[in-house]
N, C-alpha and C. Protein backbone atom coordinates (compact mmCIF):
# COMPACT_ATOMS: atom_id res chain seq x y z
N MET A 1 13.54 -35.77 -55.91
CA MET A 1 12.65 -36.55 -55.05
C MET A 1 13.31 -36.75 -53.69
N SER A 2 12.56 -36.44 -52.62
CA SER A 2 13.10 -36.58 -51.27
C SER A 2 13.25 -38.06 -50.91
N ARG A 3 14.00 -38.30 -49.85
CA ARG A 3 14.21 -39.68 -49.37
C ARG A 3 12.88 -40.35 -49.02
N GLN A 4 12.00 -39.57 -48.37
CA GLN A 4 10.69 -40.11 -47.98
C GLN A 4 9.84 -40.44 -49.21
N GLU A 5 9.86 -39.56 -50.19
CA GLU A 5 9.11 -39.81 -51.43
C GLU A 5 9.64 -41.03 -52.16
N GLN A 6 10.96 -41.19 -52.16
CA GLN A 6 11.58 -42.36 -52.80
C GLN A 6 11.16 -43.64 -52.09
N LYS A 7 11.12 -43.57 -50.76
CA LYS A 7 10.72 -44.74 -49.97
C LYS A 7 9.27 -45.13 -50.29
N LEU A 8 8.38 -44.12 -50.37
CA LEU A 8 6.98 -44.39 -50.69
C LEU A 8 6.83 -44.97 -52.10
N LYS A 9 7.63 -44.43 -53.02
CA LYS A 9 7.59 -44.92 -54.41
C LYS A 9 8.04 -46.38 -54.48
N THR A 10 9.10 -46.71 -53.75
CA THR A 10 9.59 -48.10 -53.74
C THR A 10 8.55 -49.03 -53.11
N ARG A 11 7.91 -48.57 -52.05
CA ARG A 11 6.86 -49.38 -51.40
C ARG A 11 5.73 -49.66 -52.39
N GLN A 12 5.30 -48.62 -53.11
CA GLN A 12 4.24 -48.80 -54.11
C GLN A 12 4.69 -49.75 -55.22
N ASN A 13 5.96 -49.66 -55.62
CA ASN A 13 6.50 -50.57 -56.64
C ASN A 13 6.42 -52.02 -56.18
N ILE A 14 6.69 -52.25 -54.89
CA ILE A 14 6.63 -53.61 -54.33
C ILE A 14 5.18 -54.11 -54.37
N ILE A 15 4.24 -53.25 -53.99
CA ILE A 15 2.82 -53.62 -53.99
C ILE A 15 2.36 -53.94 -55.42
N HIS A 16 2.70 -53.07 -56.37
CA HIS A 16 2.33 -53.32 -57.78
C HIS A 16 2.98 -54.59 -58.31
N ALA A 17 4.23 -54.83 -57.92
CA ALA A 17 4.93 -56.04 -58.37
C ALA A 17 4.21 -57.29 -57.87
N ALA A 18 3.80 -57.28 -56.59
CA ALA A 18 3.11 -58.44 -56.02
C ALA A 18 1.78 -58.68 -56.73
N PHE A 19 1.02 -57.61 -56.98
CA PHE A 19 -0.24 -57.76 -57.70
C PHE A 19 -0.01 -58.33 -59.10
N SER A 20 1.04 -57.88 -59.76
CA SER A 20 1.29 -58.32 -61.15
C SER A 20 1.67 -59.80 -61.22
N LEU A 21 2.18 -60.36 -60.11
CA LEU A 21 2.59 -61.76 -60.10
C LEU A 21 1.42 -62.71 -59.84
N LEU A 22 0.29 -62.16 -59.38
CA LEU A 22 -0.89 -63.00 -59.14
C LEU A 22 -1.58 -63.29 -60.47
N ASP A 23 -2.05 -64.50 -60.63
CA ASP A 23 -2.86 -64.83 -61.80
C ASP A 23 -3.79 -65.99 -61.44
N GLU A 24 -4.44 -66.56 -62.42
CA GLU A 24 -5.42 -67.62 -62.12
C GLU A 24 -4.78 -68.85 -61.49
N ASN A 25 -3.45 -69.00 -61.65
CA ASN A 25 -2.77 -70.18 -61.11
C ASN A 25 -1.93 -69.90 -59.87
N ARG A 26 -1.73 -68.64 -59.53
CA ARG A 26 -0.83 -68.31 -58.42
C ARG A 26 -1.50 -67.43 -57.38
N SER A 27 -1.47 -67.91 -56.14
CA SER A 27 -2.02 -67.15 -55.03
C SER A 27 -0.87 -66.45 -54.30
N LEU A 28 -1.20 -65.71 -53.27
CA LEU A 28 -0.18 -65.02 -52.48
C LEU A 28 0.85 -65.99 -51.92
N SER A 29 0.37 -67.12 -51.43
CA SER A 29 1.28 -68.09 -50.79
C SER A 29 2.25 -68.72 -51.78
N ALA A 30 1.96 -68.62 -53.09
CA ALA A 30 2.82 -69.22 -54.11
C ALA A 30 3.89 -68.25 -54.62
N ILE A 31 3.85 -67.02 -54.13
CA ILE A 31 4.81 -66.01 -54.60
C ILE A 31 5.90 -65.82 -53.56
N SER A 32 7.14 -65.81 -54.01
CA SER A 32 8.26 -65.67 -53.08
C SER A 32 8.71 -64.21 -52.96
N LEU A 33 9.37 -63.92 -51.86
CA LEU A 33 9.93 -62.59 -51.64
C LEU A 33 10.91 -62.23 -52.75
N ARG A 34 11.73 -63.18 -53.16
CA ARG A 34 12.71 -62.91 -54.23
C ARG A 34 12.03 -62.52 -55.54
N GLU A 35 10.94 -63.21 -55.86
CA GLU A 35 10.19 -62.88 -57.09
C GLU A 35 9.64 -61.46 -57.04
N VAL A 36 9.08 -61.10 -55.88
CA VAL A 36 8.51 -59.76 -55.73
C VAL A 36 9.62 -58.71 -55.85
N ALA A 37 10.75 -58.96 -55.19
CA ALA A 37 11.86 -58.01 -55.25
C ALA A 37 12.36 -57.85 -56.68
N ARG A 38 12.51 -58.97 -57.37
CA ARG A 38 12.99 -58.91 -58.76
C ARG A 38 12.02 -58.12 -59.64
N GLU A 39 10.71 -58.38 -59.48
CA GLU A 39 9.69 -57.68 -60.27
C GLU A 39 9.68 -56.19 -59.95
N ALA A 40 9.96 -55.84 -58.68
CA ALA A 40 9.96 -54.43 -58.25
C ALA A 40 11.28 -53.73 -58.58
N GLY A 41 12.28 -54.50 -59.00
CA GLY A 41 13.57 -53.91 -59.36
C GLY A 41 14.41 -53.51 -58.16
N ILE A 42 14.27 -54.27 -57.06
CA ILE A 42 15.08 -53.99 -55.86
C ILE A 42 15.79 -55.26 -55.41
N ALA A 43 16.77 -55.10 -54.55
CA ALA A 43 17.45 -56.25 -53.96
C ALA A 43 16.54 -56.87 -52.90
N PRO A 44 16.58 -58.20 -52.74
CA PRO A 44 15.71 -58.84 -51.73
C PRO A 44 15.87 -58.23 -50.34
N THR A 45 17.08 -57.85 -49.98
CA THR A 45 17.30 -57.26 -48.64
C THR A 45 16.58 -55.92 -48.48
N SER A 46 16.39 -55.21 -49.60
CA SER A 46 15.69 -53.92 -49.55
C SER A 46 14.21 -54.07 -49.21
N PHE A 47 13.67 -55.25 -49.50
CA PHE A 47 12.26 -55.53 -49.20
C PHE A 47 11.96 -55.25 -47.73
N TYR A 48 12.90 -55.62 -46.84
CA TYR A 48 12.67 -55.53 -45.40
C TYR A 48 12.66 -54.11 -44.87
N ARG A 49 13.05 -53.14 -45.69
CA ARG A 49 12.93 -51.73 -45.29
C ARG A 49 11.47 -51.27 -45.38
N HIS A 50 10.66 -52.06 -46.09
CA HIS A 50 9.28 -51.65 -46.34
C HIS A 50 8.25 -52.57 -45.71
N PHE A 51 8.57 -53.86 -45.62
CA PHE A 51 7.65 -54.85 -45.04
C PHE A 51 8.44 -55.81 -44.16
N LYS A 52 7.80 -56.20 -43.05
CA LYS A 52 8.45 -57.13 -42.12
C LYS A 52 8.67 -58.49 -42.77
N ASP A 53 7.66 -58.94 -43.53
CA ASP A 53 7.72 -60.23 -44.21
C ASP A 53 6.64 -60.29 -45.28
N MET A 54 6.51 -61.42 -45.94
CA MET A 54 5.51 -61.56 -47.01
C MET A 54 4.09 -61.50 -46.46
N ASP A 55 3.89 -61.94 -45.22
CA ASP A 55 2.55 -61.87 -44.62
C ASP A 55 2.09 -60.42 -44.48
N GLU A 56 3.01 -59.55 -44.05
CA GLU A 56 2.65 -58.14 -43.92
C GLU A 56 2.34 -57.54 -45.29
N LEU A 57 3.12 -57.93 -46.30
CA LEU A 57 2.84 -57.47 -47.67
C LEU A 57 1.45 -57.96 -48.10
N GLY A 58 1.14 -59.23 -47.81
CA GLY A 58 -0.16 -59.79 -48.18
C GLY A 58 -1.32 -59.03 -47.57
N LEU A 59 -1.19 -58.67 -46.29
CA LEU A 59 -2.25 -57.90 -45.62
C LEU A 59 -2.38 -56.51 -46.22
N THR A 60 -1.24 -55.95 -46.62
CA THR A 60 -1.27 -54.64 -47.29
C THR A 60 -1.99 -54.74 -48.63
N LEU A 61 -1.75 -55.83 -49.37
CA LEU A 61 -2.43 -56.03 -50.65
C LEU A 61 -3.94 -56.12 -50.46
N VAL A 62 -4.37 -56.83 -49.41
CA VAL A 62 -5.80 -56.94 -49.12
C VAL A 62 -6.37 -55.55 -48.82
N ASP A 63 -5.65 -54.76 -48.01
CA ASP A 63 -6.09 -53.40 -47.69
C ASP A 63 -6.22 -52.56 -48.96
N GLU A 64 -5.21 -52.67 -49.83
CA GLU A 64 -5.21 -51.90 -51.09
C GLU A 64 -6.40 -52.31 -51.97
N ALA A 65 -6.68 -53.62 -52.02
CA ALA A 65 -7.79 -54.12 -52.82
C ALA A 65 -9.12 -53.61 -52.26
N GLY A 66 -9.25 -53.62 -50.94
CA GLY A 66 -10.46 -53.12 -50.30
C GLY A 66 -10.66 -51.64 -50.55
N LEU A 67 -9.56 -50.88 -50.46
CA LEU A 67 -9.63 -49.45 -50.74
C LEU A 67 -10.06 -49.20 -52.19
N ALA A 68 -9.52 -49.99 -53.10
CA ALA A 68 -9.89 -49.85 -54.52
C ALA A 68 -11.39 -50.10 -54.70
N LEU A 69 -11.93 -51.07 -53.98
CA LEU A 69 -13.37 -51.36 -54.09
C LEU A 69 -14.21 -50.21 -53.54
N ARG A 70 -13.78 -49.64 -52.41
CA ARG A 70 -14.54 -48.52 -51.84
C ARG A 70 -14.47 -47.30 -52.76
N GLN A 71 -13.33 -47.08 -53.37
CA GLN A 71 -13.22 -45.98 -54.32
C GLN A 71 -14.14 -46.23 -55.53
N LEU A 72 -14.24 -47.51 -55.89
CA LEU A 72 -15.13 -47.90 -56.98
C LEU A 72 -16.57 -47.53 -56.66
N MET A 73 -17.00 -47.83 -55.44
CA MET A 73 -18.37 -47.51 -55.03
C MET A 73 -18.61 -46.01 -55.09
N ARG A 74 -17.63 -45.23 -54.65
CA ARG A 74 -17.77 -43.77 -54.68
C ARG A 74 -17.84 -43.26 -56.12
N GLN A 75 -17.06 -43.88 -56.99
CA GLN A 75 -17.08 -43.51 -58.41
C GLN A 75 -18.47 -43.81 -59.00
N ALA A 76 -19.02 -44.96 -58.64
CA ALA A 76 -20.36 -45.32 -59.13
C ALA A 76 -21.40 -44.31 -58.64
N ARG A 77 -21.27 -43.86 -57.38
CA ARG A 77 -22.22 -42.88 -56.85
C ARG A 77 -22.15 -41.57 -57.62
N ARG A 78 -20.94 -41.16 -57.99
CA ARG A 78 -20.80 -39.91 -58.77
C ARG A 78 -21.49 -40.06 -60.13
N ARG A 79 -21.32 -41.24 -60.74
CA ARG A 79 -21.99 -41.49 -62.03
C ARG A 79 -23.50 -41.49 -61.87
N ILE A 80 -23.98 -42.07 -60.77
CA ILE A 80 -25.42 -42.11 -60.51
C ILE A 80 -25.96 -40.70 -60.32
N ALA A 81 -25.20 -39.88 -59.57
CA ALA A 81 -25.61 -38.50 -59.30
C ALA A 81 -25.74 -37.69 -60.58
N SER A 82 -24.97 -38.08 -61.61
CA SER A 82 -25.03 -37.33 -62.87
C SER A 82 -26.06 -37.93 -63.83
N GLY A 83 -26.93 -38.82 -63.31
CA GLY A 83 -28.06 -39.25 -64.12
C GLY A 83 -28.13 -40.72 -64.47
N GLY A 84 -27.28 -41.55 -63.91
CA GLY A 84 -27.33 -42.98 -64.23
C GLY A 84 -28.24 -43.74 -63.27
N GLY A 85 -28.81 -44.86 -63.74
CA GLY A 85 -29.61 -45.72 -62.87
C GLY A 85 -28.70 -46.41 -61.86
N VAL A 86 -29.17 -46.57 -60.62
CA VAL A 86 -28.33 -47.09 -59.53
C VAL A 86 -27.75 -48.47 -59.86
N ILE A 87 -28.61 -49.43 -60.15
CA ILE A 87 -28.14 -50.81 -60.36
C ILE A 87 -27.33 -50.91 -61.65
N HIS A 88 -27.86 -50.36 -62.73
CA HIS A 88 -27.14 -50.42 -64.02
C HIS A 88 -25.75 -49.81 -63.89
N THR A 89 -25.67 -48.61 -63.33
CA THR A 89 -24.40 -47.90 -63.22
C THR A 89 -23.43 -48.63 -62.30
N SER A 90 -23.93 -49.12 -61.18
CA SER A 90 -23.07 -49.83 -60.22
C SER A 90 -22.46 -51.09 -60.83
N VAL A 91 -23.29 -51.88 -61.52
CA VAL A 91 -22.80 -53.12 -62.12
C VAL A 91 -21.82 -52.82 -63.26
N GLU A 92 -22.15 -51.84 -64.09
CA GLU A 92 -21.24 -51.47 -65.18
C GLU A 92 -19.89 -51.02 -64.64
N THR A 93 -19.91 -50.21 -63.59
CA THR A 93 -18.67 -49.73 -62.98
C THR A 93 -17.87 -50.89 -62.41
N PHE A 94 -18.57 -51.82 -61.77
CA PHE A 94 -17.91 -52.99 -61.17
C PHE A 94 -17.27 -53.87 -62.25
N MET A 95 -17.98 -54.11 -63.33
CA MET A 95 -17.45 -54.95 -64.40
C MET A 95 -16.24 -54.29 -65.08
N GLU A 96 -16.29 -52.98 -65.22
CA GLU A 96 -15.14 -52.24 -65.77
C GLU A 96 -13.93 -52.41 -64.85
N PHE A 97 -14.19 -52.35 -63.54
CA PHE A 97 -13.13 -52.50 -62.55
C PHE A 97 -12.48 -53.88 -62.66
N ILE A 98 -13.30 -54.92 -62.78
CA ILE A 98 -12.76 -56.28 -62.88
C ILE A 98 -11.93 -56.44 -64.14
N ALA A 99 -12.42 -55.91 -65.25
CA ALA A 99 -11.68 -56.02 -66.51
C ALA A 99 -10.33 -55.33 -66.42
N ALA A 100 -10.28 -54.20 -65.70
CA ALA A 100 -9.04 -53.42 -65.61
C ALA A 100 -8.14 -53.83 -64.45
N ASN A 101 -8.71 -54.51 -63.44
CA ASN A 101 -7.95 -54.85 -62.22
C ASN A 101 -8.17 -56.31 -61.83
N THR A 102 -7.98 -57.19 -62.78
CA THR A 102 -8.27 -58.61 -62.57
C THR A 102 -7.58 -59.17 -61.33
N ASN A 103 -6.30 -58.89 -61.16
CA ASN A 103 -5.56 -59.49 -60.06
C ASN A 103 -5.97 -58.92 -58.70
N VAL A 104 -6.41 -57.67 -58.68
CA VAL A 104 -6.87 -57.06 -57.42
C VAL A 104 -8.11 -57.81 -56.93
N PHE A 105 -9.08 -58.02 -57.83
CA PHE A 105 -10.30 -58.71 -57.44
C PHE A 105 -10.02 -60.19 -57.17
N ARG A 106 -9.14 -60.79 -57.97
CA ARG A 106 -8.79 -62.20 -57.78
C ARG A 106 -8.21 -62.43 -56.38
N LEU A 107 -7.40 -61.49 -55.91
CA LEU A 107 -6.82 -61.59 -54.58
C LEU A 107 -7.92 -61.68 -53.52
N LEU A 108 -8.91 -60.78 -53.60
CA LEU A 108 -9.99 -60.80 -52.61
C LEU A 108 -10.78 -62.10 -52.65
N LEU A 109 -11.09 -62.56 -53.85
CA LEU A 109 -11.84 -63.81 -53.99
C LEU A 109 -11.08 -65.00 -53.42
N ARG A 110 -9.82 -65.10 -53.80
CA ARG A 110 -9.03 -66.26 -53.42
C ARG A 110 -8.74 -66.28 -51.91
N GLU A 111 -8.36 -65.13 -51.37
CA GLU A 111 -7.97 -65.10 -49.96
C GLU A 111 -9.18 -65.12 -49.03
N HIS A 112 -10.37 -64.84 -49.56
CA HIS A 112 -11.59 -64.91 -48.76
C HIS A 112 -11.82 -66.32 -48.24
N THR A 113 -11.37 -67.31 -48.99
CA THR A 113 -11.51 -68.71 -48.57
C THR A 113 -10.16 -69.42 -48.50
N GLY A 114 -9.09 -68.63 -48.41
CA GLY A 114 -7.73 -69.19 -48.41
C GLY A 114 -7.36 -69.86 -47.10
N THR A 115 -6.13 -70.33 -47.04
CA THR A 115 -5.66 -71.08 -45.86
C THR A 115 -5.20 -70.18 -44.73
N SER A 116 -4.88 -68.92 -45.02
CA SER A 116 -4.39 -68.00 -43.99
C SER A 116 -5.57 -67.34 -43.27
N SER A 117 -5.68 -67.58 -41.96
CA SER A 117 -6.78 -66.97 -41.20
C SER A 117 -6.63 -65.45 -41.15
N ALA A 118 -5.39 -64.96 -41.13
CA ALA A 118 -5.16 -63.51 -41.10
C ALA A 118 -5.69 -62.87 -42.39
N TYR A 119 -5.41 -63.51 -43.53
CA TYR A 119 -5.90 -62.99 -44.81
C TYR A 119 -7.43 -63.08 -44.89
N ARG A 120 -7.98 -64.21 -44.42
CA ARG A 120 -9.44 -64.37 -44.46
C ARG A 120 -10.13 -63.27 -43.66
N LEU A 121 -9.61 -63.01 -42.46
CA LEU A 121 -10.20 -61.96 -41.61
C LEU A 121 -10.06 -60.59 -42.25
N ALA A 122 -8.91 -60.34 -42.86
CA ALA A 122 -8.68 -59.05 -43.51
C ALA A 122 -9.66 -58.85 -44.68
N VAL A 123 -9.86 -59.90 -45.48
CA VAL A 123 -10.80 -59.81 -46.61
C VAL A 123 -12.22 -59.63 -46.09
N PHE A 124 -12.56 -60.38 -45.05
CA PHE A 124 -13.89 -60.25 -44.45
C PHE A 124 -14.14 -58.80 -44.01
N ARG A 125 -13.13 -58.18 -43.38
CA ARG A 125 -13.26 -56.79 -42.94
C ARG A 125 -13.48 -55.86 -44.13
N GLU A 126 -12.75 -56.09 -45.22
CA GLU A 126 -12.89 -55.23 -46.40
C GLU A 126 -14.27 -55.39 -47.02
N ILE A 127 -14.76 -56.61 -47.11
CA ILE A 127 -16.10 -56.84 -47.66
C ILE A 127 -17.15 -56.22 -46.75
N GLN A 128 -16.93 -56.30 -45.44
CA GLN A 128 -17.87 -55.70 -44.49
C GLN A 128 -17.91 -54.18 -44.64
N HIS A 129 -16.75 -53.55 -44.89
CA HIS A 129 -16.73 -52.10 -45.16
C HIS A 129 -17.60 -51.78 -46.37
N PHE A 130 -17.48 -52.62 -47.39
CA PHE A 130 -18.26 -52.46 -48.62
C PHE A 130 -19.75 -52.55 -48.33
N ILE A 131 -20.13 -53.57 -47.54
CA ILE A 131 -21.54 -53.77 -47.15
C ILE A 131 -22.03 -52.59 -46.31
N ASP A 132 -21.19 -52.11 -45.39
CA ASP A 132 -21.59 -51.00 -44.51
C ASP A 132 -21.85 -49.73 -45.33
N GLU A 133 -20.97 -49.46 -46.29
CA GLU A 133 -21.16 -48.26 -47.13
C GLU A 133 -22.44 -48.37 -47.96
N LEU A 134 -22.70 -49.57 -48.49
CA LEU A 134 -23.92 -49.77 -49.27
C LEU A 134 -25.15 -49.67 -48.38
N THR A 135 -25.06 -50.18 -47.16
CA THR A 135 -26.17 -50.08 -46.19
C THR A 135 -26.52 -48.62 -45.95
N ASP A 136 -25.50 -47.79 -45.69
CA ASP A 136 -25.73 -46.36 -45.45
C ASP A 136 -26.39 -45.71 -46.67
N TYR A 137 -25.94 -46.10 -47.85
CA TYR A 137 -26.49 -45.53 -49.09
C TYR A 137 -27.96 -45.92 -49.26
N ILE A 138 -28.28 -47.19 -48.97
CA ILE A 138 -29.67 -47.66 -49.10
C ILE A 138 -30.58 -46.91 -48.11
N ILE A 139 -30.10 -46.73 -46.88
CA ILE A 139 -30.89 -45.99 -45.88
C ILE A 139 -31.14 -44.57 -46.37
N GLU A 140 -30.10 -43.94 -46.89
CA GLU A 140 -30.19 -42.56 -47.38
C GLU A 140 -31.15 -42.44 -48.56
N GLN A 141 -31.09 -43.41 -49.48
CA GLN A 141 -31.89 -43.34 -50.71
C GLN A 141 -33.31 -43.86 -50.54
N GLN A 142 -33.49 -44.91 -49.73
CA GLN A 142 -34.79 -45.57 -49.64
C GLN A 142 -35.53 -45.29 -48.33
N GLY A 143 -34.81 -44.75 -47.36
CA GLY A 143 -35.44 -44.44 -46.08
C GLY A 143 -35.92 -45.65 -45.31
N VAL A 144 -35.26 -46.80 -45.51
CA VAL A 144 -35.67 -48.02 -44.79
C VAL A 144 -34.88 -48.14 -43.49
N GLU A 145 -35.36 -49.00 -42.60
CA GLU A 145 -34.67 -49.18 -41.33
C GLU A 145 -33.35 -49.91 -41.54
N TYR A 146 -32.45 -49.77 -40.57
CA TYR A 146 -31.08 -50.30 -40.70
C TYR A 146 -31.05 -51.80 -40.98
N ALA A 147 -31.81 -52.58 -40.22
CA ALA A 147 -31.75 -54.04 -40.36
C ALA A 147 -32.12 -54.48 -41.77
N CYS A 148 -33.14 -53.88 -42.33
CA CYS A 148 -33.58 -54.22 -43.69
C CYS A 148 -32.53 -53.78 -44.71
N ALA A 149 -31.99 -52.57 -44.53
CA ALA A 149 -30.97 -52.07 -45.46
C ALA A 149 -29.71 -52.94 -45.41
N GLN A 150 -29.36 -53.39 -44.21
CA GLN A 150 -28.14 -54.21 -44.07
C GLN A 150 -28.31 -55.57 -44.73
N LEU A 151 -29.50 -56.17 -44.58
CA LEU A 151 -29.77 -57.45 -45.25
C LEU A 151 -29.75 -57.29 -46.77
N GLN A 152 -30.35 -56.20 -47.25
CA GLN A 152 -30.37 -55.93 -48.68
C GLN A 152 -28.94 -55.73 -49.20
N ALA A 153 -28.15 -54.94 -48.50
CA ALA A 153 -26.76 -54.68 -48.91
C ALA A 153 -25.95 -55.97 -48.92
N ASP A 154 -26.13 -56.79 -47.89
CA ASP A 154 -25.38 -58.05 -47.81
C ASP A 154 -25.72 -58.96 -48.99
N ALA A 155 -27.01 -59.08 -49.30
CA ALA A 155 -27.43 -59.91 -50.43
C ALA A 155 -26.88 -59.38 -51.75
N MET A 156 -26.92 -58.07 -51.91
CA MET A 156 -26.44 -57.46 -53.15
C MET A 156 -24.93 -57.66 -53.33
N VAL A 157 -24.18 -57.46 -52.26
CA VAL A 157 -22.72 -57.62 -52.35
C VAL A 157 -22.37 -59.07 -52.67
N ARG A 158 -23.07 -60.01 -52.06
CA ARG A 158 -22.80 -61.42 -52.35
C ARG A 158 -23.08 -61.75 -53.82
N LEU A 159 -24.20 -61.24 -54.34
CA LEU A 159 -24.53 -61.47 -55.75
C LEU A 159 -23.48 -60.87 -56.67
N VAL A 160 -23.06 -59.65 -56.38
CA VAL A 160 -22.09 -58.96 -57.23
C VAL A 160 -20.73 -59.66 -57.18
N PHE A 161 -20.30 -60.08 -56.00
CA PHE A 161 -19.02 -60.78 -55.89
C PHE A 161 -19.05 -62.11 -56.63
N SER A 162 -20.19 -62.81 -56.53
CA SER A 162 -20.32 -64.08 -57.24
C SER A 162 -20.26 -63.85 -58.75
N ALA A 163 -20.94 -62.82 -59.22
CA ALA A 163 -20.90 -62.49 -60.65
C ALA A 163 -19.49 -62.08 -61.06
N GLY A 164 -18.81 -61.36 -60.17
CA GLY A 164 -17.44 -60.95 -60.44
C GLY A 164 -16.51 -62.13 -60.61
N ALA A 165 -16.73 -63.16 -59.79
CA ALA A 165 -15.90 -64.38 -59.90
C ALA A 165 -16.09 -65.03 -61.26
N GLU A 166 -17.32 -65.05 -61.75
CA GLU A 166 -17.59 -65.60 -63.09
C GLU A 166 -16.97 -64.74 -64.18
N ALA A 167 -17.03 -63.43 -63.99
CA ALA A 167 -16.59 -62.49 -65.02
C ALA A 167 -15.07 -62.42 -65.16
N LEU A 168 -14.34 -62.89 -64.15
CA LEU A 168 -12.88 -62.78 -64.16
C LEU A 168 -12.24 -63.31 -65.44
N GLU A 169 -12.62 -64.50 -65.83
CA GLU A 169 -11.98 -65.13 -66.99
C GLU A 169 -12.86 -65.05 -68.25
N ALA A 170 -13.95 -64.28 -68.15
CA ALA A 170 -14.90 -64.21 -69.27
C ALA A 170 -14.42 -63.25 -70.35
N ASP A 171 -14.85 -63.51 -71.59
CA ASP A 171 -14.59 -62.55 -72.66
C ASP A 171 -15.63 -61.43 -72.55
N ASP A 172 -15.51 -60.40 -73.39
CA ASP A 172 -16.39 -59.23 -73.30
C ASP A 172 -17.87 -59.61 -73.41
N LYS A 173 -18.19 -60.50 -74.36
CA LYS A 173 -19.59 -60.88 -74.59
C LYS A 173 -20.18 -61.57 -73.36
N LEU A 174 -19.43 -62.54 -72.81
CA LEU A 174 -19.92 -63.26 -71.64
C LEU A 174 -19.98 -62.34 -70.43
N ARG A 175 -19.02 -61.43 -70.30
CA ARG A 175 -19.03 -60.49 -69.18
C ARG A 175 -20.29 -59.60 -69.24
N ARG A 176 -20.67 -59.19 -70.45
CA ARG A 176 -21.90 -58.40 -70.59
C ARG A 176 -23.13 -59.21 -70.18
N GLU A 177 -23.16 -60.49 -70.60
CA GLU A 177 -24.29 -61.36 -70.24
C GLU A 177 -24.38 -61.54 -68.72
N ILE A 178 -23.24 -61.76 -68.09
CA ILE A 178 -23.19 -61.90 -66.63
C ILE A 178 -23.68 -60.61 -65.98
N GLY A 179 -23.25 -59.47 -66.52
CA GLY A 179 -23.67 -58.17 -66.00
C GLY A 179 -25.17 -57.98 -66.09
N GLU A 180 -25.77 -58.35 -67.22
CA GLU A 180 -27.22 -58.20 -67.39
C GLU A 180 -27.97 -59.11 -66.42
N ARG A 181 -27.47 -60.32 -66.24
CA ARG A 181 -28.12 -61.26 -65.32
C ARG A 181 -28.08 -60.74 -63.89
N VAL A 182 -26.92 -60.25 -63.45
CA VAL A 182 -26.81 -59.79 -62.06
C VAL A 182 -27.62 -58.50 -61.85
N LYS A 183 -27.77 -57.68 -62.88
CA LYS A 183 -28.63 -56.49 -62.75
C LYS A 183 -30.07 -56.93 -62.46
N ALA A 184 -30.55 -57.94 -63.19
CA ALA A 184 -31.91 -58.44 -62.96
C ALA A 184 -32.04 -59.01 -61.55
N GLN A 185 -31.03 -59.77 -61.11
CA GLN A 185 -31.08 -60.35 -59.76
C GLN A 185 -31.09 -59.27 -58.68
N LEU A 186 -30.30 -58.22 -58.89
CA LEU A 186 -30.25 -57.12 -57.92
C LEU A 186 -31.59 -56.39 -57.85
N ARG A 187 -32.25 -56.27 -59.01
CA ARG A 187 -33.58 -55.64 -59.01
C ARG A 187 -34.58 -56.48 -58.22
N PHE A 188 -34.47 -57.81 -58.35
CA PHE A 188 -35.35 -58.68 -57.55
C PHE A 188 -35.13 -58.44 -56.06
N VAL A 189 -33.85 -58.34 -55.65
CA VAL A 189 -33.53 -58.10 -54.24
C VAL A 189 -34.10 -56.76 -53.80
N GLN A 190 -33.92 -55.75 -54.64
CA GLN A 190 -34.39 -54.41 -54.30
C GLN A 190 -35.91 -54.37 -54.15
N VAL A 191 -36.61 -55.01 -55.09
CA VAL A 191 -38.09 -55.05 -55.00
C VAL A 191 -38.52 -55.85 -53.79
N GLY A 192 -37.87 -56.99 -53.57
CA GLY A 192 -38.21 -57.83 -52.42
C GLY A 192 -38.01 -57.11 -51.09
N ALA A 193 -36.98 -56.25 -51.04
CA ALA A 193 -36.68 -55.54 -49.79
C ALA A 193 -37.76 -54.51 -49.46
N THR A 194 -38.54 -54.10 -50.46
CA THR A 194 -39.60 -53.10 -50.20
C THR A 194 -40.86 -53.75 -49.67
N GLN A 195 -40.94 -55.10 -49.75
CA GLN A 195 -42.13 -55.82 -49.26
C GLN A 195 -41.98 -56.10 -47.77
N LYS A 196 -43.08 -56.06 -47.07
CA LYS A 196 -43.04 -56.39 -45.63
C LYS A 196 -42.83 -57.90 -45.48
N SER A 197 -41.97 -58.29 -44.54
CA SER A 197 -41.77 -59.73 -44.31
C SER A 197 -43.00 -60.32 -43.66
N VAL A 198 -43.25 -61.60 -43.98
CA VAL A 198 -44.48 -62.23 -43.43
C VAL A 198 -44.14 -63.08 -42.23
């Protein structure tokens, strides 16, 4: 492994270590640099070869979480293209993501309303990317004008994120119930968006 590859691997180890330390009781601000270094298997001084400080690591975590969400949307589109219903497939994919990546989604939820304005803005940007991609998809699939598609996408993302927050600590049965409820709500939004406003 080259020096550059080793550096990238260590950086990823630090990111994974930070995500693994997050849980329902601990936010980014509650995690120390020493804890992250210990979890990543490096000396605390080595941390600074990869990140300027914990704030820079936090912003990187938000970016990584946002990227994971966008990849999730693309994965759902591939499933839809192979014959799945749009809303059913999207919600199922999202719920699978939450079950497998609890701390990634928890980070976005918590920092969206957290005390750090830098984190809040970063999360807002990531959610906006998600809304923008869904807007483009709605325009492509439904042929509606941009303003209508953007309102529909915004409403859908808010509903899904709210359901995701409920599903975080839910068992499989409750997560399925939440999924079925949000599918129905998304269908209401979709049908409503096809009606002319009065």
